[in-house]
Amino acid sequence: MEVTSPHGRIIVQTKLMDGVNRDTVWTWNAIGKRSGAWNLAPDAAEARRGFLLNHLIPEVLPADREGGRHANADPVTGQAAWFDLRVRIAKSTARQMAPQFTAQAQPPGLAARPSILRYGARFRAAVKGS
């Protein structure tokens, strides 16, 4: 589906769910990652099938009466204010999530990427052994 806001457009996979109001779009937060980020393989599912709503959300709110601009963020957490975003949804003929970006280069000095990432595995093993 193509999801469009006044700020941008993304193409994402969707599913209908009875437990969500018919006028509401619900999503997990940050289910997409840039290819290569977090030491993920360039072809990781998070980069190819995942997506971020950030491309739909403006960084700042419209100017107030005095011309001041404020961050479009939750005042408590600082996260982007996606909870009140208005979007339009339409069927897409695209077969790939969008936008897609070139893979992020691996930072110098970072250990070689393992074939399977297991963040926290050593910690969990140490806790289990104690």
C-alpha atoms as a PDB file:
ATOM      1  CA  MET A   1       0.000   0.000   0.000  1.00  0.00           C
ATOM      2  CA  GLU A   2       1.024   3.582  -0.528  1.00  0.00           C
ATOM      3  CA  VAL A   3       0.813   5.648   2.656  1.00  0.00           C
ATOM      4  CA  THR A   4       0.976   9.403   2.081  1.00  0.00           C
ATOM      5  CA  SER A   5       1.050  12.348   4.484  1.00  0.00           C
ATOM      6  CA  PRO A   6       1.449  16.063   3.715  1.00  0.00           C
ATOM      7  CA  HIS A   7       5.178  15.512   4.356  1.00  0.00           C
ATOM      8  CA  GLY A   8       6.046  12.346   2.419  1.00  0.00           C
ATOM      9  CA  ARG A   9       5.150   8.935   1.014  1.00  0.00           C
ATOM     10  CA  ILE A  10       6.120   5.339   1.802  1.00  0.00           C
ATOM     11  CA  ILE A  11       5.172   2.005   0.258  1.00  0.00           C
ATOM     12  CA  VAL A  12       4.589  -0.700   2.846  1.00  0.00           C
ATOM     13  CA  GLN A  13       3.062  -4.087   3.437  1.00  0.00           C
ATOM     14  CA  THR A  14      -0.278  -3.989   5.249  1.00  0.00           C
ATOM     15  CA  LYS A  15      -2.826  -6.249   6.897  1.00  0.00           C
ATOM     16  CA  LEU A  16      -6.348  -5.587   8.058  1.00  0.00           C
ATOM     17  CA  MET A  17      -7.174  -6.234  11.706  1.00  0.00           C
ATOM     18  CA  ASP A  18     -10.587  -6.281  13.362  1.00  0.00           C
ATOM     19  CA  GLY A  19      -9.197  -4.892  16.629  1.00  0.00           C
ATOM     20  CA  VAL A  20      -8.284  -1.493  15.160  1.00  0.00           C
ATOM     21  CA  ASN A  21     -10.717   1.359  14.502  1.00  0.00           C
ATOM     22  CA  ARG A  22     -11.504   1.537  10.781  1.00  0.00           C
ATOM     23  CA  ASP A  23     -10.170   5.117  10.627  1.00  0.00           C
ATOM     24  CA  THR A  24      -6.895   4.239  12.353  1.00  0.00           C
ATOM     25  CA  VAL A  25      -3.589   3.009  10.965  1.00  0.00           C
ATOM     26  CA  TRP A  26      -1.638   1.092  13.584  1.00  0.00           C
ATOM     27  CA  THR A  27       1.992   0.053  13.338  1.00  0.00           C
ATOM     28  CA  TRP A  28       4.911  -1.069  15.420  1.00  0.00           C
ATOM     29  CA  ASN A  29       7.413   1.706  15.944  1.00  0.00           C
ATOM     30  CA  ALA A  30      10.724   1.443  14.060  1.00  0.00           C
ATOM     31  CA  ILE A  31      10.310  -1.944  12.394  1.00  0.00           C
ATOM     32  CA  GLY A  32      12.614  -0.944   9.562  1.00  0.00           C
ATOM     33  CA  LYS A  33      16.344  -0.360   9.523  1.00  0.00           C
ATOM     34  CA  ARG A  34      18.675   1.055   6.909  1.00  0.00           C
ATOM     35  CA  SER A  35      20.585  -1.657   5.100  1.00  0.00           C
ATOM     36  CA  GLY A  36      23.906  -2.168   6.912  1.00  0.00           C
ATOM     37  CA  ALA A  37      22.777  -0.323  10.079  1.00  0.00           C
ATOM     38  CA  TRP A  38      23.097  -2.128  13.409  1.00  0.00           C
ATOM     39  CA  ASN A  39      25.664  -4.334  11.642  1.00  0.00           C
ATOM     40  CA  LEU A  40      22.807  -5.989   9.717  1.00  0.00           C
ATOM     41  CA  ALA A  41      23.553  -7.742   6.454  1.00  0.00           C
ATOM     42  CA  PRO A  42      22.814  -5.577   3.401  1.00  0.00           C
ATOM     43  CA  ASP A  43      19.947  -7.904   2.426  1.00  0.00           C
ATOM     44  CA  ALA A  44      18.400  -8.149   5.929  1.00  0.00           C
ATOM     45  CA  ALA A  45      14.600  -8.310   6.050  1.00  0.00           C
ATOM     46  CA  GLU A  46      14.496  -5.229   8.290  1.00  0.00           C
ATOM     47  CA  ALA A  47      15.911  -3.220   5.381  1.00  0.00           C
ATOM     48  CA  ARG A  48      14.008  -4.848   2.515  1.00  0.00           C
ATOM     49  CA  ARG A  49      10.545  -5.430   4.015  1.00  0.00           C
ATOM     50  CA  GLY A  50      10.526  -3.143   7.072  1.00  0.00           C
ATOM     51  CA  PHE A  51       9.694   0.545   7.022  1.00  0.00           C
ATOM     52  CA  LEU A  52       9.824   3.682   9.131  1.00  0.00           C
ATOM     53  CA  LEU A  53       7.092   6.257   9.506  1.00  0.00           C
ATOM     54  CA  ASN A  54       9.742   8.965   9.902  1.00  0.00           C
ATOM     55  CA  HIS A  55       9.501   9.706   6.177  1.00  0.00           C
ATOM     56  CA  LEU A  56       5.892  10.811   6.729  1.00  0.00           C
ATOM     57  CA  ILE A  57       6.482  13.031   9.763  1.00  0.00           C
ATOM     58  CA  PRO A  58       7.715  16.632   9.559  1.00  0.00           C
ATOM     59  CA  GLU A  59      10.551  17.619  11.893  1.00  0.00           C
ATOM     60  CA  VAL A  60       8.824  20.804  13.084  1.00  0.00           C
ATOM     61  CA  LEU A  61       5.273  21.979  13.646  1.00  0.00           C
ATOM     62  CA  PRO A  62       3.797  24.816  11.573  1.00  0.00           C
ATOM     63  CA  ALA A  63       4.853  28.280  12.712  1.00  0.00           C
ATOM     64  CA  ASP A  64       2.904  29.774  15.608  1.00  0.00           C
ATOM     65  CA  ARG A  65       1.443  33.317  15.582  1.00  0.00           C
ATOM     66  CA  GLU A  66       4.832  34.826  16.395  1.00  0.00           C
ATOM     67  CA  GLY A  67       6.576  32.769  13.697  1.00  0.00           C
ATOM     68  CA  GLY A  68       8.198  30.369  16.163  1.00  0.00           C
ATOM     69  CA  ARG A  69       8.660  26.742  15.178  1.00  0.00           C
ATOM     70  CA  HIS A  70       8.651  23.865  17.686  1.00  0.00           C
ATOM     71  CA  ALA A  71       9.844  20.300  17.301  1.00  0.00           C
ATOM     72  CA  ASN A  72       7.142  17.884  16.205  1.00  0.00           C
ATOM     73  CA  ALA A  73       7.956  15.557  19.083  1.00  0.00           C
ATOM     74  CA  ASP A  74       6.417  14.075  22.185  1.00  0.00           C
ATOM     75  CA  PRO A  75       7.409  16.509  24.958  1.00  0.00           C
ATOM     76  CA  VAL A  76       8.113  13.668  27.413  1.00  0.00           C
ATOM     77  CA  THR A  77      10.094  11.157  25.325  1.00  0.00           C
ATOM     78  CA  GLY A  78      11.303  13.371  22.477  1.00  0.00           C
ATOM     79  CA  GLN A  79      10.156  10.770  19.942  1.00  0.00           C
ATOM     80  CA  ALA A  80       8.678  11.896  16.657  1.00  0.00           C
ATOM     81  CA  ALA A  81       4.987  12.703  17.028  1.00  0.00           C
ATOM     82  CA  TRP A  82       3.534   9.948  14.874  1.00  0.00           C
ATOM     83  CA  PHE A  83       0.544   9.295  17.149  1.00  0.00           C
ATOM     84  CA  ASP A  84      -1.589  12.013  15.578  1.00  0.00           C
ATOM     85  CA  LEU A  85      -0.374  11.816  11.990  1.00  0.00           C
ATOM     86  CA  ARG A  86      -3.066  11.946   9.304  1.00  0.00           C
ATOM     87  CA  VAL A  87      -2.400   9.777   6.262  1.00  0.00           C
ATOM     88  CA  ARG A  88      -4.056   8.641   3.067  1.00  0.00           C
ATOM     89  CA  ILE A  89      -3.810   4.976   2.057  1.00  0.00           C
ATOM     90  CA  ALA A  90      -4.069   3.700  -1.508  1.00  0.00           C
ATOM     91  CA  LYS A  91      -3.294   0.477  -3.304  1.00  0.00           C
ATOM     92  CA  SER A  92       0.160   0.421  -4.866  1.00  0.00           C
ATOM     93  CA  THR A  93       1.426  -1.539  -7.852  1.00  0.00           C
ATOM     94  CA  ALA A  94       4.989  -1.448  -6.442  1.00  0.00           C
ATOM     95  CA  ARG A  95       6.432  -4.794  -5.360  1.00  0.00           C
ATOM     96  CA  GLN A  96       9.115  -3.355  -3.067  1.00  0.00           C
ATOM     97  CA  MET A  97       8.951  -1.299   0.108  1.00  0.00           C
ATOM     98  CA  ALA A  98       9.966   2.328  -0.372  1.00  0.00           C
ATOM     99  CA  PRO A  99      11.990   4.299   0.218  1.00  0.00           C
ATOM    100  CA  GLN A 100      15.073   2.074  -0.090  1.00  0.00           C
ATOM    101  CA  PHE A 101      18.557   3.420   0.608  1.00  0.00           C
ATOM    102  CA  THR A 102      22.053   2.281  -0.258  1.00  0.00           C
ATOM    103  CA  ALA A 103      23.683   0.134   2.417  1.00  0.00           C
ATOM    104  CA  GLN A 104      25.350   1.999   5.246  1.00  0.00           C
ATOM    105  CA  ALA A 105      29.112   1.386   5.269  1.00  0.00           C
ATOM    106  CA  GLN A 106      30.507  -0.622   8.159  1.00  0.00           C
ATOM    107  CA  PRO A 107      32.356   1.705  10.573  1.00  0.00           C
ATOM    108  CA  PRO A 108      36.131   1.191  10.815  1.00  0.00           C
ATOM    109  CA  GLY A 109      37.225  -1.045  13.684  1.00  0.00           C
ATOM    110  CA  LEU A 110      33.899  -2.859  13.978  1.00  0.00           C
ATOM    111  CA  ALA A 111      34.235  -6.635  14.179  1.00  0.00           C
ATOM    112  CA  ALA A 112      33.241  -8.616  11.108  1.00  0.00           C
ATOM    113  CA  ARG A 113      29.504  -9.150  10.796  1.00  0.00           C
ATOM    114  CA  PRO A 114      28.466 -12.639  11.994  1.00  0.00           C
ATOM    115  CA  SER A 115      26.098 -14.622   9.786  1.00  0.00           C
ATOM    116  CA  ILE A 116      23.470 -14.511  12.576  1.00  0.00           C
ATOM    117  CA  LEU A 117      23.289 -11.567  14.977  1.00  0.00           C
ATOM    118  CA  ARG A 118      22.673 -12.549  18.577  1.00  0.00           C
ATOM    119  CA  TYR A 119      22.801  -9.325  20.558  1.00  0.00           C
ATOM    120  CA  GLY A 120      22.791 -10.093  24.285  1.00  0.00           C
ATOM    121  CA  ALA A 121      23.481 -13.834  23.869  1.00  0.00           C
ATOM    122  CA  ARG A 122      26.641 -13.732  26.030  1.00  0.00           C
ATOM    123  CA  PHE A 123      24.829 -11.719  28.694  1.00  0.00           C
ATOM    124  CA  ARG A 124      21.878 -14.137  28.786  1.00  0.00           C
ATOM    125  CA  ALA A 125      24.259 -17.112  28.970  1.00  0.00           C
ATOM    126  CA  ALA A 126      26.172 -15.499  31.860  1.00  0.00           C
ATOM    127  CA  VAL A 127      22.958 -14.767  33.771  1.00  0.00           C
ATOM    128  CA  LYS A 128      21.656 -18.272  33.153  1.00  0.00           C
ATOM    129  CA  GLY A 129      24.946 -19.784  34.400  1.00  0.00           C
ATOM    130  CA  SER A 130      24.976 -17.842  37.688  1.00  0.00           C
END
